[in-house]
């Protein structure tokens, strides 16, 4: 379905981003991976996807906390492949604390990576996508882009901002062949969530398994984690002809969390 399309997925060396990159590669897209990690492990991931799906996969270590670096990632991709079809803004970090104790440096870091990086990427990508008369921008927001939880001031603010940015870009690109949508996952068993499970287990002196159940039970009625593969499928749908008229919207993939 996506043969000859070029896709950037930020934060794609693990977790949700890697699941999305694998699914787009399965559909024959050329993939630009991005993220931090051990160079050897990243190369093994890159080569593995390339070999398994017989598509070209490259890695770009652009720092998502720096706007100039994000814009260079877009420019380098267009220079290398002559086009950019799909931009998945997935890179994200988390930190929790009550608002009065929230370190300003953490606030700025979370907004830089979770929100500003998407702005810079979109701003740099839209001209090329409009020129092609086809493009798909998918912002991986969160259920926390739609509702709030305590101790997550920066993350909730950034993800709400990302949903708002999605709406604006959806309006500004309407009719151009470019769409912009947000995907809002609930709990996904990623390294970010594993840390929250471990913290809960330590605080309550319970097992990891009981902590995971407690985390799900508190918010997610399905009592099941969303998988990176399911999110990859959601992104793939948004890149399909069936989604040509879906733009400026947020799709919750959250086991019923926001239905409550």
Protein backbone atom coordinates (compact mmCIF):
# COMPACT_ATOMS: atom_id res chain seq x y z
CA UNK A 1 0.00 0.00 0.00
CA UNK A 2 2.83 2.41 0.80
CA UNK A 3 5.39 1.34 -1.80
CA UNK A 4 7.57 4.28 -2.94
CA UNK A 5 6.40 6.37 0.04
CA UNK A 6 9.02 7.78 2.43
CA UNK A 7 8.18 7.86 6.15
CA UNK A 8 9.94 9.49 9.10
CA UNK A 9 9.02 8.12 12.53
CA UNK A 10 10.59 10.05 15.40
CA UNK A 11 11.42 8.22 18.61
CA UNK A 12 11.33 4.93 16.72
CA UNK A 13 14.21 2.96 18.23
CA UNK A 14 11.86 1.36 20.80
CA UNK A 15 8.26 1.18 22.00
CA UNK A 16 5.39 2.77 20.09
CA UNK A 17 7.60 4.37 17.44
CA UNK A 18 9.30 1.09 16.60
CA UNK A 19 5.93 -0.65 16.30
CA UNK A 20 4.75 2.04 13.89
CA UNK A 21 7.98 1.90 11.85
CA UNK A 22 7.70 -1.89 11.52
CA UNK A 23 4.10 -1.68 10.29
CA UNK A 24 4.86 1.03 7.72
CA UNK A 25 7.83 -1.04 6.51
CA UNK A 26 5.55 -4.07 6.22
CA UNK A 27 3.40 -1.96 3.89
CA UNK A 28 6.55 -1.28 1.81
CA UNK A 29 7.38 2.30 2.88
CA UNK A 30 10.98 3.50 3.00
CA UNK A 31 11.70 4.25 6.67
CA UNK A 32 13.76 6.89 8.44
CA UNK A 33 14.29 5.77 12.03
CA UNK A 34 15.15 8.29 14.75
CA UNK A 35 15.84 8.06 18.45
CA UNK A 36 18.43 7.46 21.14
CA UNK A 37 20.01 4.19 22.22
CA UNK A 38 23.03 1.94 21.90
CA UNK A 39 24.46 2.33 18.38
CA UNK A 40 24.88 -1.43 17.96
CA UNK A 41 21.30 -2.14 19.00
CA UNK A 42 19.97 0.60 16.70
CA UNK A 43 21.93 -0.82 13.77
CA UNK A 44 20.55 -4.29 14.52
CA UNK A 45 17.00 -2.88 14.52
CA UNK A 46 17.60 -0.96 11.29
CA UNK A 47 19.15 -3.91 9.46
CA UNK A 48 16.48 -6.28 10.81
CA UNK A 49 13.57 -4.21 9.48
CA UNK A 50 15.34 -3.71 6.15
CA UNK A 51 16.00 -7.44 5.78
CA UNK A 52 12.57 -8.62 6.95
CA UNK A 53 10.54 -6.29 4.74
CA UNK A 54 12.96 -5.74 1.83
CA UNK A 55 12.68 -1.95 2.06
CA UNK A 56 15.29 0.73 2.57
CA UNK A 57 15.70 1.77 6.20
CA UNK A 58 18.05 4.53 7.36
CA UNK A 59 18.76 5.97 10.79
CA UNK A 60 19.07 9.67 11.66
CA UNK A 61 20.03 10.56 15.23
CA UNK A 62 18.58 14.09 15.12
CA UNK A 63 18.04 15.52 18.61
CA UNK A 64 14.31 16.20 18.98
CA UNK A 65 14.91 18.73 21.75
CA UNK A 66 16.47 21.15 19.26
CA UNK A 67 14.32 22.80 16.60
CA UNK A 68 17.18 23.26 14.13
CA UNK A 69 18.03 19.57 14.41
CA UNK A 70 14.41 18.56 13.75
CA UNK A 71 14.26 20.78 10.67
CA UNK A 72 17.55 19.32 9.43
CA UNK A 73 16.08 15.81 9.75
CA UNK A 74 13.27 16.81 7.39
CA UNK A 75 15.63 18.57 4.95
CA UNK A 76 18.11 15.67 4.91
CA UNK A 77 15.33 13.17 4.22
CA UNK A 78 14.01 15.22 1.29
CA UNK A 79 17.55 15.66 -0.08
CA UNK A 80 18.25 11.93 0.21
CA UNK A 81 14.98 10.55 -1.20
CA UNK A 82 13.58 13.47 -3.18
CA UNK A 83 10.33 13.38 -1.24
CA UNK A 84 8.67 13.01 2.18
CA UNK A 85 5.25 11.40 2.37
CA UNK A 86 4.62 10.46 5.98
CA UNK A 87 5.75 12.21 9.17
CA UNK A 88 4.95 10.48 12.45
CA UNK A 89 5.76 12.73 15.41
CA UNK A 90 6.16 10.18 18.18
CA UNK A 91 9.22 11.20 20.24
CA UNK A 92 8.30 11.85 23.85
CA UNK A 93 9.59 11.96 27.42
CA UNK A 94 7.84 11.96 30.79
CA UNK A 95 8.41 13.26 34.31
CA UNK A 96 5.95 13.34 37.19
CA UNK A 97 5.71 15.67 40.19
CA UNK A 98 3.12 17.95 41.82
CA UNK A 99 2.92 21.26 39.98
CA UNK A 100 4.46 23.24 42.84
CA UNK A 101 7.46 20.88 42.86
CA UNK A 102 7.80 20.51 39.09
CA UNK A 103 11.37 21.47 38.04
CA UNK A 104 11.29 24.23 35.39
CA UNK A 105 14.03 22.45 33.44
CA UNK A 106 11.84 19.32 33.20
CA UNK A 107 8.88 21.45 32.09
CA UNK A 108 10.91 22.96 29.24
CA UNK A 109 12.45 19.61 28.22
CA UNK A 110 9.04 17.91 27.99
CA UNK A 111 7.50 20.75 25.97
CA UNK A 112 10.54 20.86 23.66
CA UNK A 113 10.40 17.16 22.77
CA UNK A 114 6.68 16.38 23.10
CA UNK A 115 5.31 19.51 21.43
CA UNK A 116 7.87 21.86 19.86
CA UNK A 117 9.60 19.04 17.93
CA UNK A 118 6.29 18.27 16.20
CA UNK A 119 5.83 21.95 15.32
CA UNK A 120 9.31 22.19 13.76
CA UNK A 121 8.89 18.91 11.87
CA UNK A 122 5.49 19.86 10.50
CA UNK A 123 6.57 23.37 9.52
CA UNK A 124 9.51 21.94 7.56
CA UNK A 125 7.55 19.05 5.99
CA UNK A 126 4.35 20.77 4.85
CA UNK A 127 5.84 22.67 1.86
CA UNK A 128 7.20 19.43 0.34
CA UNK A 129 3.96 17.55 1.02
CA UNK A 130 1.87 20.32 -0.55
CA UNK A 131 4.17 20.32 -3.58
CA UNK A 132 3.59 16.55 -3.96
CA UNK A 133 -0.16 16.99 -3.39
CA UNK A 134 0.04 14.11 -0.90
CA UNK A 135 1.20 13.82 2.68
CA UNK A 136 0.24 12.26 5.98
CA UNK A 137 1.16 13.85 9.31
CA UNK A 138 0.34 11.73 12.34
CA UNK A 139 1.01 13.12 15.81
CA UNK A 140 1.21 10.52 18.55
CA UNK A 141 -0.48 12.41 21.36
CA UNK A 142 -1.99 10.53 24.30
CA UNK A 143 -5.19 10.07 26.23
CA UNK A 144 -3.53 12.84 28.23
CA UNK A 145 -4.09 15.07 25.22
CA UNK A 146 -7.82 14.73 25.93
CA UNK A 147 -8.04 14.38 29.73
CA UNK A 148 -5.70 15.04 32.66
CA UNK A 149 -4.07 13.11 35.47
CA UNK A 150 -2.33 14.45 38.56
CA UNK A 151 1.42 15.11 38.69
CA UNK A 152 1.76 15.36 34.89
CA UNK A 153 1.52 19.12 34.33
CA UNK A 154 4.07 19.32 31.51
CA UNK A 155 3.08 16.08 29.75
CA UNK A 156 -0.65 16.88 29.80
CA UNK A 157 -0.01 20.47 28.68
CA UNK A 158 2.22 19.27 25.83
CA UNK A 159 -0.17 16.57 24.65
CA UNK A 160 -3.18 18.92 24.78
CA UNK A 161 -1.05 21.35 22.77
CA UNK A 162 -0.28 18.61 20.25
CA UNK A 163 -3.98 17.93 19.72
CA UNK A 164 -4.55 21.67 19.20
CA UNK A 165 -1.65 21.86 16.74
CA UNK A 166 -3.17 18.91 14.87
CA UNK A 167 -6.45 20.78 14.43
CA UNK A 168 -4.75 23.92 13.12
CA UNK A 169 -2.58 22.02 10.63
CA UNK A 170 -5.59 19.96 9.53
CA UNK A 171 -7.41 23.18 8.70
CA UNK A 172 -4.42 24.83 7.02
CA UNK A 173 -3.75 21.83 4.76
CA UNK A 174 -7.38 20.92 3.99
CA UNK A 175 -7.89 20.30 0.28
CA UNK A 176 -4.16 20.14 -0.46
CA UNK A 177 -3.84 16.35 -0.41
CA UNK A 178 -2.19 16.55 3.02
CA UNK A 179 -3.89 15.37 6.21
CA UNK A 180 -2.90 15.85 9.84
CA UNK A 181 -4.32 13.74 12.65
CA UNK A 182 -3.50 12.80 16.23
CA UNK A 183 -3.57 9.32 17.72
CA UNK A 184 -4.23 9.26 21.45
CA UNK A 185 -3.11 5.99 23.06
CA UNK A 186 -4.07 4.95 26.56
CA UNK A 187 -1.70 2.79 28.55
CA UNK A 188 0.84 1.09 26.28
CA UNK A 189 3.48 -1.17 27.81
CA UNK A 190 6.46 0.94 26.78
CA UNK A 191 9.64 1.81 28.75
CA UNK A 192 7.89 5.02 29.93
CA UNK A 193 4.97 3.02 31.38
CA UNK A 194 7.24 0.27 32.74
CA UNK A 195 8.89 2.92 34.91
CA UNK A 196 5.49 4.02 36.25
CA UNK A 197 4.62 0.37 37.00
CA UNK A 198 7.95 -0.09 38.81
CA UNK A 199 7.44 3.11 40.81
CA UNK A 200 3.93 2.02 41.82
CA UNK A 201 5.18 -1.45 42.80
CA UNK A 202 7.90 0.09 44.99
CA UNK A 203 5.59 2.67 46.59
CA UNK A 204 2.85 0.15 47.40
CA UNK A 205 5.17 -2.79 48.05
CA UNK A 206 3.38 -4.97 45.52
CA UNK A 207 4.50 -7.11 42.57
CA UNK A 208 5.05 -5.73 39.06
CA UNK A 209 2.06 -7.78 37.89
CA UNK A 210 -0.23 -6.35 40.59
CA UNK A 211 1.06 -2.84 39.87
CA UNK A 212 0.31 -3.26 36.15
CA UNK A 213 -3.21 -4.45 36.99
CA UNK A 214 -3.71 -1.49 39.35
CA UNK A 215 -2.50 0.97 36.72
CA UNK A 216 -4.93 -0.41 34.13
CA UNK A 217 -7.81 -0.74 36.59
CA UNK A 218 -7.54 2.90 37.60
CA UNK A 219 -8.07 4.27 34.07
CA UNK A 220 -8.50 1.73 31.25
CA UNK A 221 -11.82 -0.20 31.34
CA UNK A 222 -10.61 -2.91 28.95
CA UNK A 223 -7.97 -3.90 31.56
CA UNK A 224 -5.61 -4.58 28.66
CA UNK A 225 -2.63 -2.61 27.40
CA UNK A 226 -2.71 -1.10 23.93
CA UNK A 227 0.05 -2.66 21.81
CA UNK A 228 2.56 -0.85 19.58
CA UNK A 229 1.35 -3.10 16.74
CA UNK A 230 -2.22 -1.83 17.17
CA UNK A 231 -0.99 1.75 17.02
CA UNK A 232 1.01 0.88 13.90
CA UNK A 233 -2.24 -0.35 12.36
CA UNK A 234 -4.02 2.87 13.32
CA UNK A 235 -1.29 4.97 11.69
CA UNK A 236 -1.40 2.74 8.59
CA UNK A 237 -5.16 3.30 8.34
CA UNK A 238 -4.63 7.07 8.49
CA UNK A 239 -2.19 6.69 5.57
CA UNK A 240 -4.72 4.69 3.51
CA UNK A 241 -7.19 6.01 0.89
CA UNK A 242 -10.03 5.22 3.33
CA UNK A 243 -8.74 8.09 5.50
CA UNK A 244 -8.39 10.71 2.76
CA UNK A 245 -11.13 12.82 4.37
CA UNK A 246 -10.05 12.33 7.97
CA UNK A 247 -8.04 15.37 9.05
CA UNK A 248 -7.66 17.64 12.06
CA UNK A 249 -9.03 15.00 14.40
CA UNK A 250 -7.88 12.97 17.40
CA UNK A 251 -8.44 9.22 17.50
CA UNK A 252 -8.47 7.65 20.97
CA UNK A 253 -7.00 4.14 21.20
CA UNK A 254 -7.47 3.74 24.92
CA UNK A 255 -9.60 0.74 25.88
CA UNK A 256 -12.51 3.02 26.80
CA UNK A 257 -10.56 5.42 29.08
CA UNK A 258 -12.05 8.61 27.61
CA UNK A 259 -15.54 7.11 27.21
CA UNK A 260 -16.03 7.31 30.99
